[in-house]
């Protein structure tokens, strides 16, 4: 819908490219965001907390999701908070 292309560069498994795309599509933050989109009221902020660092694919996808669904998404990862809104992240691509 907004031009998302999976980034499999961080996939650390030795499998073919199509299976890597499936692998990155099942990351916990993407699943949690999908659940938040289904269950929260339109316009409500989606807040996530995780104990690992956000991968580059999830970071890119979350930026696009925030614009496509007009949502603010806040993700707390191992290092910092990421505030996504209108396809922009508060970390400016540095994390």
PDB file of N, CA and C in Angstrom:
ATOM      1  N   UNK A   1       0.820  -1.192   0.000  1.00  0.00           N
ATOM      2  CA  UNK A   1       0.000   0.000   0.000  1.00  0.00           C
ATOM      3  C   UNK A   1       0.869   1.263   0.000  1.00  0.00           C
ATOM      4  N   UNK A   2       1.997   1.254   0.715  1.00  0.00           N
ATOM      5  CA  UNK A   2       2.865   2.431   0.764  1.00  0.00           C
ATOM      6  C   UNK A   2       4.279   2.131   0.270  1.00  0.00           C
ATOM      7  N   UNK A   3       4.471   0.980  -0.353  1.00  0.00           N
ATOM      8  CA  UNK A   3       5.762   0.676  -0.958  1.00  0.00           C
ATOM      9  C   UNK A   3       6.733  -0.074  -0.073  1.00  0.00           C
ATOM     10  N   UNK A   4       6.246  -0.814   0.891  1.00  0.00           N
ATOM     11  CA  UNK A   4       7.130  -1.580   1.773  1.00  0.00           C
ATOM     12  C   UNK A   4       7.791  -2.720   1.017  1.00  0.00           C
ATOM     13  N   UNK A   5       9.101  -2.828   1.164  1.00  0.00           N
ATOM     14  CA  UNK A   5       9.879  -3.942   0.615  1.00  0.00           C
ATOM     15  C   UNK A   5      10.693  -4.520   1.769  1.00  0.00           C
ATOM     16  N   UNK A   6      10.549  -5.819   2.063  1.00  0.00           N
ATOM     17  CA  UNK A   6      11.281  -6.403   3.185  1.00  0.00           C
ATOM     18  C   UNK A   6      12.794  -6.263   3.029  1.00  0.00           C
ATOM     19  N   UNK A   7      13.451  -5.909   4.113  1.00  0.00           N
ATOM     20  CA  UNK A   7      14.908  -5.805   4.150  1.00  0.00           C
ATOM     21  C   UNK A   7      15.432  -7.044   4.875  1.00  0.00           C
ATOM     22  N   UNK A   8      16.014  -7.944   4.132  1.00  0.00           N
ATOM     23  CA  UNK A   8      16.472  -9.209   4.716  1.00  0.00           C
ATOM     24  C   UNK A   8      17.957  -9.198   5.034  1.00  0.00           C
ATOM     25  N   UNK A   9      18.586  -8.043   4.964  1.00  0.00           N
ATOM     26  CA  UNK A   9      20.027  -7.961   5.211  1.00  0.00           C
ATOM     27  C   UNK A   9      20.401  -8.398   6.626  1.00  0.00           C
ATOM     28  N   UNK A  10      19.514  -8.181   7.594  1.00  0.00           N
ATOM     29  CA  UNK A  10      19.805  -8.550   8.977  1.00  0.00           C
ATOM     30  C   UNK A  10      19.399  -9.975   9.328  1.00  0.00           C
ATOM     31  N   UNK A  11      18.747 -10.676   8.405  1.00  0.00           N
ATOM     32  CA  UNK A  11      18.337 -12.059   8.671  1.00  0.00           C
ATOM     33  C   UNK A  11      19.585 -12.922   8.805  1.00  0.00           C
ATOM     34  N   UNK A  12      19.740 -13.572   9.929  1.00  0.00           N
ATOM     35  CA  UNK A  12      20.974 -14.294  10.231  1.00  0.00           C
ATOM     36  C   UNK A  12      20.874 -15.796  10.008  1.00  0.00           C
ATOM     37  N   UNK A  13      19.949 -16.188   9.188  1.00  0.00           N
ATOM     38  CA  UNK A  13      19.802 -17.611   8.902  1.00  0.00           C
ATOM     39  C   UNK A  13      20.240 -17.891   7.471  1.00  0.00           C
ATOM     40  N   UNK A  14      20.703 -19.095   7.237  1.00  0.00           N
ATOM     41  CA  UNK A  14      21.204 -19.482   5.919  1.00  0.00           C
ATOM     42  C   UNK A  14      20.101 -20.203   5.144  1.00  0.00           C
ATOM     43  N   UNK A  15      19.154 -19.413   4.625  1.00  0.00           N
ATOM     44  CA  UNK A  15      18.058 -19.959   3.827  1.00  0.00           C
ATOM     45  C   UNK A  15      17.874 -19.063   2.603  1.00  0.00           C
ATOM     46  N   UNK A  16      17.017 -19.496   1.664  1.00  0.00           N
ATOM     47  CA  UNK A  16      16.841 -18.686   0.456  1.00  0.00           C
ATOM     48  C   UNK A  16      16.084 -17.386   0.762  1.00  0.00           C
ATOM     49  N   UNK A  17      16.126 -16.464  -0.180  1.00  0.00           N
ATOM     50  CA  UNK A  17      15.617 -15.105   0.025  1.00  0.00           C
ATOM     51  C   UNK A  17      14.124 -15.068   0.357  1.00  0.00           C
ATOM     52  N   UNK A  18      13.323 -15.881  -0.284  1.00  0.00           N
ATOM     53  CA  UNK A  18      11.875 -15.852  -0.024  1.00  0.00           C
ATOM     54  C   UNK A  18      11.562 -16.293   1.399  1.00  0.00           C
ATOM     55  N   UNK A  19      12.311 -17.256   1.916  1.00  0.00           N
ATOM     56  CA  UNK A  19      12.088 -17.688   3.293  1.00  0.00           C
ATOM     57  C   UNK A  19      12.578 -16.646   4.293  1.00  0.00           C
ATOM     58  N   UNK A  20      13.605 -15.877   3.920  1.00  0.00           N
ATOM     59  CA  UNK A  20      14.054 -14.786   4.782  1.00  0.00           C
ATOM     60  C   UNK A  20      12.977 -13.714   4.891  1.00  0.00           C
ATOM     61  N   UNK A  21      12.289 -13.429   3.768  1.00  0.00           N
ATOM     62  CA  UNK A  21      11.209 -12.446   3.790  1.00  0.00           C
ATOM     63  C   UNK A  21      10.089 -12.889   4.727  1.00  0.00           C
ATOM     64  N   UNK A  22       9.766 -14.162   4.695  1.00  0.00           N
ATOM     65  CA  UNK A  22       8.744 -14.695   5.609  1.00  0.00           C
ATOM     66  C   UNK A  22       9.233 -14.589   7.054  1.00  0.00           C
ATOM     67  N   UNK A  23      10.507 -14.868   7.260  1.00  0.00           N
ATOM     68  CA  UNK A  23      11.085 -14.815   8.600  1.00  0.00           C
ATOM     69  C   UNK A  23      10.982 -13.414   9.207  1.00  0.00           C
ATOM     70  N   UNK A  24      11.351 -12.374   8.450  1.00  0.00           N
ATOM     71  CA  UNK A  24      11.290 -11.022   9.004  1.00  0.00           C
ATOM     72  C   UNK A  24       9.852 -10.529   9.155  1.00  0.00           C
ATOM     73  N   UNK A  25       8.917 -11.131   8.425  1.00  0.00           N
ATOM     74  CA  UNK A  25       7.518 -10.706   8.553  1.00  0.00           C
ATOM     75  C   UNK A  25       6.896 -11.177   9.867  1.00  0.00           C
ATOM     76  N   UNK A  26       7.534 -12.111  10.554  1.00  0.00           N
ATOM     77  CA  UNK A  26       6.999 -12.638  11.810  1.00  0.00           C
ATOM     78  C   UNK A  26       7.672 -12.049  13.042  1.00  0.00           C
ATOM     79  N   UNK A  27       8.382 -10.947  12.908  1.00  0.00           N
ATOM     80  CA  UNK A  27       9.012 -10.334  14.073  1.00  0.00           C
ATOM     81  C   UNK A  27       7.948  -9.834  15.047  1.00  0.00           C
ATOM     82  N   UNK A  28       8.252  -9.912  16.317  1.00  0.00           N
ATOM     83  CA  UNK A  28       7.269  -9.647  17.361  1.00  0.00           C
ATOM     84  C   UNK A  28       6.674  -8.254  17.297  1.00  0.00           C
ATOM     85  N   UNK A  29       7.465  -7.228  16.955  1.00  0.00           N
ATOM     86  CA  UNK A  29       6.904  -5.884  16.938  1.00  0.00           C
ATOM     87  C   UNK A  29       5.908  -5.698  15.800  1.00  0.00           C
ATOM     88  N   UNK A  30       6.130  -6.363  14.675  1.00  0.00           N
ATOM     89  CA  UNK A  30       5.163  -6.278  13.576  1.00  0.00           C
ATOM     90  C   UNK A  30       3.856  -6.954  13.963  1.00  0.00           C
ATOM     91  N   UNK A  31       3.951  -8.081  14.621  1.00  0.00           N
ATOM     92  CA  UNK A  31       2.746  -8.775  15.072  1.00  0.00           C
ATOM     93  C   UNK A  31       2.004  -7.961  16.133  1.00  0.00           C
ATOM     94  N   UNK A  32       2.749  -7.337  17.033  1.00  0.00           N
ATOM     95  CA  UNK A  32       2.127  -6.517  18.078  1.00  0.00           C
ATOM     96  C   UNK A  32       1.456  -5.280  17.475  1.00  0.00           C
ATOM     97  N   UNK A  33       2.078  -4.674  16.486  1.00  0.00           N
ATOM     98  CA  UNK A  33       1.472  -3.512  15.820  1.00  0.00           C
ATOM     99  C   UNK A  33       0.192  -3.927  15.099  1.00  0.00           C
ATOM    100  N   UNK A  34       0.212  -5.067  14.422  1.00  0.00           N
ATOM    101  CA  UNK A  34      -0.992  -5.562  13.743  1.00  0.00           C
ATOM    102  C   UNK A  34      -2.118  -5.790  14.749  1.00  0.00           C
ATOM    103  N   UNK A  35      -1.798  -6.368  15.897  1.00  0.00           N
ATOM    104  CA  UNK A  35      -2.796  -6.586  16.932  1.00  0.00           C
ATOM    105  C   UNK A  35      -3.341  -5.247  17.444  1.00  0.00           C
ATOM    106  N   UNK A  36      -2.438  -4.268  17.654  1.00  0.00           N
ATOM    107  CA  UNK A  36      -2.866  -2.945  18.104  1.00  0.00           C
ATOM    108  C   UNK A  36      -3.765  -2.260  17.103  1.00  0.00           C
ATOM    109  N   UNK A  37      -3.473  -2.402  15.816  1.00  0.00           N
ATOM    110  CA  UNK A  37      -4.321  -1.814  14.788  1.00  0.00           C
ATOM    111  C   UNK A  37      -5.716  -2.435  14.790  1.00  0.00           C
ATOM    112  N   UNK A  38      -5.782  -3.721  15.075  1.00  0.00           N
ATOM    113  CA  UNK A  38      -7.082  -4.406  15.091  1.00  0.00           C
ATOM    114  C   UNK A  38      -7.892  -4.087  16.330  1.00  0.00           C
ATOM    115  N   UNK A  39      -7.233  -3.958  17.489  1.00  0.00           N
ATOM    116  CA  UNK A  39      -7.962  -3.904  18.750  1.00  0.00           C
ATOM    117  C   UNK A  39      -8.124  -2.507  19.349  1.00  0.00           C
ATOM    118  N   UNK A  40      -7.248  -1.565  19.022  1.00  0.00           N
ATOM    119  CA  UNK A  40      -7.336  -0.224  19.602  1.00  0.00           C
ATOM    120  C   UNK A  40      -8.245   0.662  18.755  1.00  0.00           C
ATOM    121  N   UNK A  41      -8.783   1.679  19.390  1.00  0.00           N
ATOM    122  CA  UNK A  41      -9.634   2.636  18.694  1.00  0.00           C
ATOM    123  C   UNK A  41      -8.829   3.368  17.623  1.00  0.00           C
ATOM    124  N   UNK A  42      -9.456   3.748  16.520  1.00  0.00           N
ATOM    125  CA  UNK A  42      -8.747   4.523  15.490  1.00  0.00           C
ATOM    126  C   UNK A  42      -8.132   5.789  16.091  1.00  0.00           C
ATOM    127  N   UNK A  43      -6.879   6.028  15.764  1.00  0.00           N
ATOM    128  CA  UNK A  43      -6.179   7.203  16.263  1.00  0.00           C
ATOM    129  C   UNK A  43      -5.458   7.001  17.583  1.00  0.00           C
ATOM    130  N   UNK A  44      -5.710   5.886  18.265  1.00  0.00           N
ATOM    131  CA  UNK A  44      -5.057   5.624  19.549  1.00  0.00           C
ATOM    132  C   UNK A  44      -3.575   5.310  19.326  1.00  0.00           C
ATOM    133  N   UNK A  45      -2.742   5.758  20.255  1.00  0.00           N
ATOM    134  CA  UNK A  45      -1.306   5.489  20.183  1.00  0.00           C
ATOM    135  C   UNK A  45      -1.039   4.019  20.488  1.00  0.00           C
ATOM    136  N   UNK A  46      -0.195   3.406  19.690  1.00  0.00           N
ATOM    137  CA  UNK A  46       0.217   2.024  19.920  1.00  0.00           C
ATOM    138  C   UNK A  46       1.554   2.073  20.646  1.00  0.00           C
ATOM    139  N   UNK A  47       1.653   1.420  21.801  1.00  0.00           N
ATOM    140  CA  UNK A  47       2.877   1.421  22.608  1.00  0.00           C
ATOM    141  C   UNK A  47       3.397  -0.014  22.738  1.00  0.00           C
ATOM    142  N   UNK A  48       4.689  -0.174  22.434  1.00  0.00           N
ATOM    143  CA  UNK A  48       5.332  -1.489  22.511  1.00  0.00           C
ATOM    144  C   UNK A  48       6.588  -1.398  23.351  1.00  0.00           C
ATOM    145  N   UNK A  49       6.918  -2.490  23.997  1.00  0.00           N
ATOM    146  CA  UNK A  49       8.161  -2.584  24.749  1.00  0.00           C
ATOM    147  C   UNK A  49       8.796  -3.922  24.427  1.00  0.00           C
ATOM    148  N   UNK A  50      10.091  -3.893  24.134  1.00  0.00           N
ATOM    149  CA  UNK A  50      10.783  -5.142  23.832  1.00  0.00           C
ATOM    150  C   UNK A  50      12.161  -5.118  24.452  1.00  0.00           C
ATOM    151  N   UNK A  51      12.729  -6.303  24.673  1.00  0.00           N
ATOM    152  CA  UNK A  51      14.022  -6.382  25.335  1.00  0.00           C
ATOM    153  C   UNK A  51      15.194  -6.485  24.356  1.00  0.00           C
ATOM    154  N   UNK A  52      14.916  -6.474  23.064  1.00  0.00           N
ATOM    155  CA  UNK A  52      15.954  -6.504  22.048  1.00  0.00           C
ATOM    156  C   UNK A  52      15.909  -5.212  21.234  1.00  0.00           C
ATOM    157  N   UNK A  53      16.957  -4.990  20.479  1.00  0.00           N
ATOM    158  CA  UNK A  53      16.997  -3.817  19.612  1.00  0.00           C
ATOM    159  C   UNK A  53      16.088  -4.026  18.398  1.00  0.00           C
ATOM    160  N   UNK A  54      15.446  -2.978  17.925  1.00  0.00           N
ATOM    161  CA  UNK A  54      14.596  -3.038  16.745  1.00  0.00           C
ATOM    162  C   UNK A  54      15.482  -3.237  15.520  1.00  0.00           C
ATOM    163  N   UNK A  55      15.146  -4.193  14.657  1.00  0.00           N
ATOM    164  CA  UNK A  55      15.939  -4.416  13.445  1.00  0.00           C
ATOM    165  C   UNK A  55      15.602  -3.342  12.405  1.00  0.00           C
ATOM    166  N   UNK A  56      16.455  -3.207  11.416  1.00  0.00           N
ATOM    167  CA  UNK A  56      16.256  -2.164  10.402  1.00  0.00           C
ATOM    168  C   UNK A  56      14.975  -2.378   9.609  1.00  0.00           C
ATOM    169  N   UNK A  57      14.604  -3.621   9.343  1.00  0.00           N
ATOM    170  CA  UNK A  57      13.372  -3.896   8.607  1.00  0.00           C
ATOM    171  C   UNK A  57      12.151  -3.475   9.412  1.00  0.00           C
ATOM    172  N   UNK A  58      12.120  -3.797  10.691  1.00  0.00           N
ATOM    173  CA  UNK A  58      10.981  -3.417  11.534  1.00  0.00           C
ATOM    174  C   UNK A  58      10.915  -1.903  11.711  1.00  0.00           C
ATOM    175  N   UNK A  59      12.071  -1.266  11.797  1.00  0.00           N
ATOM    176  CA  UNK A  59      12.122   0.190  11.927  1.00  0.00           C
ATOM    177  C   UNK A  59      11.517   0.835  10.678  1.00  0.00           C
ATOM    178  N   UNK A  60      11.915   0.379   9.511  1.00  0.00           N
ATOM    179  CA  UNK A  60      11.380   0.915   8.253  1.00  0.00           C
ATOM    180  C   UNK A  60       9.883   0.643   8.122  1.00  0.00           C
ATOM    181  N   UNK A  61       9.482  -0.581   8.454  1.00  0.00           N
ATOM    182  CA  UNK A  61       8.072  -0.944   8.355  1.00  0.00           C
ATOM    183  C   UNK A  61       7.219  -0.116   9.305  1.00  0.00           C
ATOM    184  N   UNK A  62       7.700   0.126  10.512  1.00  0.00           N
ATOM    185  CA  UNK A  62       6.935   0.896  11.490  1.00  0.00           C
ATOM    186  C   UNK A  62       6.771   2.334  11.039  1.00  0.00           C
ATOM    187  N   UNK A  63       7.789   2.896  10.425  1.00  0.00           N
ATOM    188  CA  UNK A  63       7.661   4.258   9.881  1.00  0.00           C
ATOM    189  C   UNK A  63       6.543   4.308   8.842  1.00  0.00           C
ATOM    190  N   UNK A  64       6.508   3.348   7.941  1.00  0.00           N
ATOM    191  CA  UNK A  64       5.483   3.321   6.903  1.00  0.00           C
ATOM    192  C   UNK A  64       4.092   3.064   7.476  1.00  0.00           C
ATOM    193  N   UNK A  65       4.007   2.180   8.455  1.00  0.00           N
ATOM    194  CA  UNK A  65       2.714   1.875   9.082  1.00  0.00           C
ATOM    195  C   UNK A  65       2.160   3.118   9.776  1.00  0.00           C
ATOM    196  N   UNK A  66       3.035   3.881  10.436  1.00  0.00           N
ATOM    197  CA  UNK A  66       2.565   5.084  11.132  1.00  0.00           C
ATOM    198  C   UNK A  66       1.935   6.073  10.164  1.00  0.00           C
ATOM    199  N   UNK A  67       2.461   6.162   8.961  1.00  0.00           N
ATOM    200  CA  UNK A  67       1.893   7.068   7.962  1.00  0.00           C
ATOM    201  C   UNK A  67       0.630   6.481   7.333  1.00  0.00           C
ATOM    202  N   UNK A  68       0.684   5.209   6.950  1.00  0.00           N
ATOM    203  CA  UNK A  68      -0.444   4.580   6.261  1.00  0.00           C
ATOM    204  C   UNK A  68      -1.702   4.532   7.119  1.00  0.00           C
ATOM    205  N   UNK A  69      -1.540   4.324   8.436  1.00  0.00           N
ATOM    206  CA  UNK A  69      -2.690   4.204   9.322  1.00  0.00           C
ATOM    207  C   UNK A  69      -2.896   5.431  10.202  1.00  0.00           C
ATOM    208  N   UNK A  70      -2.121   6.483   9.954  1.00  0.00           N
ATOM    209  CA  UNK A  70      -2.233   7.730  10.703  1.00  0.00           C
ATOM    210  C   UNK A  70      -2.221   7.470  12.213  1.00  0.00           C
ATOM    211  N   UNK A  71      -1.190   6.765  12.651  1.00  0.00           N
ATOM    212  CA  UNK A  71      -1.047   6.405  14.056  1.00  0.00           C
ATOM    213  C   UNK A  71       0.293   6.857  14.589  1.00  0.00           C
ATOM    214  N   UNK A  72       0.321   7.147  15.865  1.00  0.00           N
ATOM    215  CA  UNK A  72       1.583   7.346  16.563  1.00  0.00           C
ATOM    216  C   UNK A  72       1.928   6.000  17.185  1.00  0.00           C
ATOM    217  N   UNK A  73       3.139   5.568  16.972  1.00  0.00           N
ATOM    218  CA  UNK A  73       3.602   4.279  17.506  1.00  0.00           C
ATOM    219  C   UNK A  73       4.855   4.551  18.328  1.00  0.00           C
ATOM    220  N   UNK A  74       4.836   4.108  19.570  1.00  0.00           N
ATOM    221  CA  UNK A  74       5.977   4.294  20.462  1.00  0.00           C
ATOM    222  C   UNK A  74       6.546   2.914  20.768  1.00  0.00           C
ATOM    223  N   UNK A  75       7.832   2.740  20.473  1.00  0.00           N
ATOM    224  CA  UNK A  75       8.494   1.459  20.707  1.00  0.00           C
ATOM    225  C   UNK A  75       9.676   1.693  21.637  1.00  0.00           C
ATOM    226  N   UNK A  76       9.696   0.985  22.740  1.00  0.00           N
ATOM    227  CA  UNK A  76      10.836   1.018  23.655  1.00  0.00           C
ATOM    228  C   UNK A  76      11.640  -0.229  23.390  1.00  0.00           C
ATOM    229  N   UNK A  77      12.860  -0.052  22.885  1.00  0.00           N
ATOM    230  CA  UNK A  77      13.725  -1.209  22.674  1.00  0.00           C
ATOM    231  C   UNK A  77      14.840  -1.205  23.710  1.00  0.00           C
ATOM    232  N   UNK A  78      15.830  -2.029  23.510  1.00  0.00           N
ATOM    233  CA  UNK A  78      16.914  -2.183  24.482  1.00  0.00           C
ATOM    234  C   UNK A  78      17.668  -0.876  24.739  1.00  0.00           C
ATOM    235  N   UNK A  79      17.761  -0.024  23.730  1.00  0.00           N
ATOM    236  CA  UNK A  79      18.569   1.185  23.845  1.00  0.00           C
ATOM    237  C   UNK A  79      17.793   2.466  24.078  1.00  0.00           C
ATOM    238  N   UNK A  80      16.616   2.625  23.485  1.00  0.00           N
ATOM    239  CA  UNK A  80      15.923   3.909  23.545  1.00  0.00           C
ATOM    240  C   UNK A  80      14.458   3.788  23.166  1.00  0.00           C
ATOM    241  N   UNK A  81      13.767   4.928  23.249  1.00  0.00           N
ATOM    242  CA  UNK A  81      12.398   5.033  22.773  1.00  0.00           C
ATOM    243  C   UNK A  81      12.418   5.488  21.320  1.00  0.00           C
ATOM    244  N   UNK A  82      11.522   4.945  20.536  1.00  0.00           N
ATOM    245  CA  UNK A  82      11.319   5.376  19.153  1.00  0.00           C
ATOM    246  C   UNK A  82       9.883   5.870  19.065  1.00  0.00           C
ATOM    247  N   UNK A  83       9.699   7.123  18.682  1.00  0.00           N
ATOM    248  CA  UNK A  83       8.367   7.706  18.490  1.00  0.00           C
ATOM    249  C   UNK A  83       8.146   7.850  16.991  1.00  0.00           C
ATOM    250  N   UNK A  84       7.264   7.031  16.439  1.00  0.00           N
ATOM    251  CA  UNK A  84       6.982   7.047  15.005  1.00  0.00           C
ATOM    252  C   UNK A  84       5.697   7.824  14.757  1.00  0.00           C
ATOM    253  N   UNK A  85       5.754   8.744  13.819  1.00  0.00           N
ATOM    254  CA  UNK A  85       4.558   9.486  13.424  1.00  0.00           C
ATOM    255  C   UNK A  85       4.784  10.040  12.030  1.00  0.00           C
ATOM    256  N   UNK A  86       3.797   9.859  11.143  1.00  0.00           N
ATOM    257  CA  UNK A  86       3.855  10.366   9.762  1.00  0.00           C
ATOM    258  C   UNK A  86       5.134   9.943   9.040  1.00  0.00           C
ATOM    259  N   UNK A  87       5.510   8.697   9.172  1.00  0.00           N
ATOM    260  CA  UNK A  87       6.686   8.124   8.514  1.00  0.00           C
ATOM    261  C   UNK A  87       8.006   8.743   8.981  1.00  0.00           C
ATOM    262  N   UNK A  88       8.026   9.218  10.210  1.00  0.00           N
ATOM    263  CA  UNK A  88       9.215   9.823  10.795  1.00  0.00           C
ATOM    264  C   UNK A  88       9.468   9.179  12.148  1.00  0.00           C
ATOM    265  N   UNK A  89      10.736   8.971  12.497  1.00  0.00           N
ATOM    266  CA  UNK A  89      11.090   8.431  13.805  1.00  0.00           C
ATOM    267  C   UNK A  89      11.931   9.449  14.569  1.00  0.00           C
ATOM    268  N   UNK A  90      11.711   9.525  15.855  1.00  0.00           N
ATOM    269  CA  UNK A  90      12.418  10.488  16.695  1.00  0.00           C
ATOM    270  C   UNK A  90      13.926  10.220  16.773  1.00  0.00           C
ATOM    271  N   UNK A  91      14.369   9.024  16.429  1.00  0.00           N
ATOM    272  CA  UNK A  91      15.794   8.710  16.499  1.00  0.00           C
ATOM    273  C   UNK A  91      16.566   9.205  15.273  1.00  0.00           C
ATOM    274  N   UNK A  92      15.838   9.686  14.268  1.00  0.00           N
ATOM    275  CA  UNK A  92      16.458  10.161  13.023  1.00  0.00           C
ATOM    276  C   UNK A  92      17.328   9.110  12.353  1.00  0.00           C
ATOM    277  N   UNK A  93      16.930   7.849  12.470  1.00  0.00           N
ATOM    278  CA  UNK A  93      17.675   6.779  11.822  1.00  0.00           C
ATOM    279  C   UNK A  93      18.904   6.326  12.593  1.00  0.00           C
ATOM    280  N   UNK A  94      19.117   6.873  13.779  1.00  0.00           N
ATOM    281  CA  UNK A  94      20.258   6.474  14.602  1.00  0.00           C
ATOM    282  C   UNK A  94      19.744   5.700  15.802  1.00  0.00           C
ATOM    283  N   UNK A  95      20.155   4.476  15.901  1.00  0.00           N
ATOM    284  CA  UNK A  95      19.782   3.694  17.076  1.00  0.00           C
ATOM    285  C   UNK A  95      20.829   2.668  17.287  1.00  0.00           C
TER     286      UNK A  95
END
